């Protein structure tokens, strides 16, 4: 009986957090962890209210994998990631795309208590990018307010990193 309890308590489904940790040790991935202050260059020029909205974001983790058609690492990792993101805890918010390109926005949480937002983009000719936005008080209202700031934010550093990934 003890053995069964031990096995059941030790078994957990793979999580996105565990996937990020495991992948960070693999050289085929590009893994970046940033605070909003490090990738938003003009935060100080925003209003106090807008800065407060951004301060709800505590961390951004980005994981990228190029599709190198010479081996099957991309397909294997894509399948692992898709299996993780199909778990019940990852709730879809937005899906768009076509057979060879897709984009999803998911979240973890209940009601107004969102723990993280996940952006997942996949292009079979390039590779995939998955980003986790972690924070405090990531309510739908706060997320919406942050999204409205999009055209006011200078995220050129983050854009350059992702652009370098897709280009070369």
Protein backbone atom coordinates (compact mmCIF):
# COMPACT_ATOMS: atom_id res chain seq x y z
CA UNK A 1 0.00 0.00 0.00
CA UNK A 2 2.82 2.41 0.91
CA UNK A 3 4.51 1.74 -2.45
CA UNK A 4 1.33 2.56 -4.36
CA UNK A 5 0.89 5.82 -2.45
CA UNK A 6 4.51 6.72 -3.06
CA UNK A 7 4.20 6.04 -6.79
CA UNK A 8 0.96 7.99 -7.11
CA UNK A 9 2.26 10.96 -5.11
CA UNK A 10 5.50 11.09 -7.12
CA UNK A 11 3.76 10.93 -10.50
CA UNK A 12 3.03 14.29 -11.98
CA UNK A 13 2.24 15.21 -15.53
CA UNK A 14 4.95 17.15 -17.30
CA UNK A 15 4.54 20.89 -16.85
CA UNK A 16 5.62 23.82 -18.94
CA UNK A 17 7.86 25.00 -16.12
CA UNK A 18 9.62 21.60 -16.01
CA UNK A 19 9.89 21.68 -19.83
CA UNK A 20 11.61 25.09 -19.66
CA UNK A 21 14.04 23.88 -16.98
CA UNK A 22 14.89 20.67 -18.84
CA UNK A 23 15.26 22.48 -22.17
CA UNK A 24 17.53 25.15 -20.72
CA UNK A 25 20.18 22.46 -20.36
CA UNK A 26 19.86 21.44 -24.02
CA UNK A 27 22.06 23.40 -26.46
CA UNK A 28 19.58 23.11 -29.35
CA UNK A 29 17.27 25.57 -27.55
CA UNK A 30 17.68 29.28 -27.09
CA UNK A 31 16.38 30.15 -23.63
CA UNK A 32 15.95 33.69 -22.30
CA UNK A 33 14.61 34.92 -18.95
CA UNK A 34 13.94 38.61 -18.60
CA UNK A 35 12.30 41.04 -16.23
CA UNK A 36 10.08 43.67 -17.88
CA UNK A 37 12.60 46.34 -16.91
CA UNK A 38 15.24 44.62 -19.04
CA UNK A 39 13.22 44.38 -22.26
CA UNK A 40 11.08 47.52 -22.11
CA UNK A 41 13.42 50.42 -22.73
CA UNK A 42 11.04 53.33 -22.17
CA UNK A 43 9.14 52.29 -19.04
CA UNK A 44 10.22 55.42 -17.18
CA UNK A 45 8.45 57.61 -19.75
CA UNK A 46 5.08 55.95 -19.08
CA UNK A 47 2.50 57.28 -16.66
CA UNK A 48 2.59 56.07 -13.09
CA UNK A 49 -0.58 54.01 -13.68
CA UNK A 50 0.90 52.35 -16.79
CA UNK A 51 4.16 51.58 -14.98
CA UNK A 52 2.11 50.00 -12.18
CA UNK A 53 0.40 47.75 -14.74
CA UNK A 54 3.77 46.62 -16.09
CA UNK A 55 5.06 45.96 -12.59
CA UNK A 56 2.44 43.20 -12.34
CA UNK A 57 4.66 41.24 -14.74
CA UNK A 58 7.52 39.71 -12.77
CA UNK A 59 9.24 37.64 -15.41
CA UNK A 60 9.21 36.68 -19.05
CA UNK A 61 10.69 33.32 -20.06
CA UNK A 62 11.23 32.67 -23.76
CA UNK A 63 12.23 29.33 -25.24
CA UNK A 64 13.00 28.97 -28.95
CA UNK A 65 13.86 25.97 -31.09
CA UNK A 66 14.78 26.16 -34.76
CA UNK A 67 13.50 23.55 -37.14
CA UNK A 68 16.63 21.87 -38.43
CA UNK A 69 15.29 19.49 -41.06
CA UNK A 70 18.45 17.37 -40.73
CA UNK A 71 17.14 15.66 -37.60
CA UNK A 72 13.87 14.95 -35.84
CA UNK A 73 14.53 16.99 -32.67
CA UNK A 74 12.06 19.68 -33.75
CA UNK A 75 9.17 17.24 -34.27
CA UNK A 76 9.94 15.39 -31.04
CA UNK A 77 10.06 18.59 -28.99
CA UNK A 78 7.00 20.03 -30.72
CA UNK A 79 5.05 16.88 -29.83
CA UNK A 80 6.19 17.11 -26.19
CA UNK A 81 5.18 20.76 -26.00
CA UNK A 82 1.81 20.17 -27.65
CA UNK A 83 1.09 17.35 -25.19
CA UNK A 84 1.89 19.62 -22.25
CA UNK A 85 -0.23 22.50 -23.57
CA UNK A 86 -3.23 20.20 -24.06
CA UNK A 87 -3.41 19.54 -20.31
CA UNK A 88 -6.49 20.85 -18.53
CA UNK A 89 -4.62 23.52 -16.57
CA UNK A 90 -3.63 25.36 -19.78
CA UNK A 91 -6.76 27.14 -20.93
CA UNK A 92 -6.98 28.55 -24.46
CA UNK A 93 -7.52 32.25 -24.89
CA UNK A 94 -6.75 32.72 -28.59
CA UNK A 95 -5.85 30.46 -31.54
CA UNK A 96 -4.91 31.51 -35.05
CA UNK A 97 -3.05 30.06 -37.97
CA UNK A 98 -2.94 27.59 -40.77
CA UNK A 99 -1.51 24.07 -41.13
CA UNK A 100 2.15 25.15 -41.33
CA UNK A 101 1.95 28.19 -39.00
CA UNK A 102 0.05 28.67 -35.80
CA UNK A 103 -0.18 30.89 -32.76
CA UNK A 104 -1.86 30.25 -29.44
CA UNK A 105 -2.36 32.27 -26.29
CA UNK A 106 -3.18 30.24 -23.19
CA UNK A 107 -3.37 30.95 -19.50
CA UNK A 108 -3.15 29.18 -16.17
CA UNK A 109 -5.50 30.20 -13.39
CA UNK A 110 -9.11 30.54 -12.43
CA UNK A 111 -11.41 33.49 -12.94
CA UNK A 112 -9.57 36.70 -12.14
CA UNK A 113 -6.57 34.90 -10.65
CA UNK A 114 -4.35 34.30 -13.67
CA UNK A 115 -0.94 32.91 -12.70
CA UNK A 116 0.69 32.94 -16.11
CA UNK A 117 0.05 33.65 -19.75
CA UNK A 118 1.60 31.48 -22.44
CA UNK A 119 2.31 32.59 -26.01
CA UNK A 120 3.13 29.75 -28.39
CA UNK A 121 4.05 30.33 -32.02
CA UNK A 122 5.04 27.61 -34.45
CA UNK A 123 6.21 27.89 -38.05
CA UNK A 124 7.29 24.57 -39.56
CA UNK A 125 9.82 26.33 -41.81
CA UNK A 126 11.45 28.25 -38.94
CA UNK A 127 10.74 26.60 -35.59
CA UNK A 128 8.77 27.41 -32.49
CA UNK A 129 8.78 30.06 -29.79
CA UNK A 130 7.04 29.64 -26.46
CA UNK A 131 6.91 32.43 -23.88
CA UNK A 132 5.67 32.40 -20.31
CA UNK A 133 4.58 35.68 -18.75
CA UNK A 134 4.56 35.36 -14.97
CA UNK A 135 3.27 37.93 -12.56
CA UNK A 136 1.11 39.20 -9.78
CA UNK A 137 -2.49 40.25 -10.26
CA UNK A 138 -2.60 39.16 -13.88
CA UNK A 139 -6.35 39.63 -14.00
CA UNK A 140 -8.03 39.88 -17.41
CA UNK A 141 -8.47 43.64 -16.84
CA UNK A 142 -4.76 44.14 -16.13
CA UNK A 143 -3.72 42.02 -19.09
CA UNK A 144 -5.99 44.07 -21.33
CA UNK A 145 -4.51 47.32 -20.01
CA UNK A 146 -0.99 46.04 -20.62
CA UNK A 147 -1.93 44.98 -24.16
CA UNK A 148 -3.24 48.51 -24.80
CA UNK A 149 0.22 49.80 -23.94
CA UNK A 150 1.71 47.81 -26.82
CA UNK A 151 2.26 50.75 -29.16
CA UNK A 152 3.78 52.83 -26.33
CA UNK A 153 6.38 50.26 -25.34
CA UNK A 154 9.87 50.09 -26.76
CA UNK A 155 10.55 46.36 -26.87
CA UNK A 156 13.24 46.56 -29.53
CA UNK A 157 15.64 44.38 -27.51
CA UNK A 158 13.14 41.53 -27.32
CA UNK A 159 12.19 42.01 -30.97
CA UNK A 160 15.87 41.83 -31.95
CA UNK A 161 16.37 38.55 -30.07
CA UNK A 162 13.34 36.94 -31.70
CA UNK A 163 14.26 38.45 -35.08
CA UNK A 164 17.77 36.97 -34.84
CA UNK A 165 16.18 33.60 -34.11
CA UNK A 166 13.86 33.70 -37.12
CA UNK A 167 16.52 35.08 -39.49
CA UNK A 168 19.48 32.96 -38.83
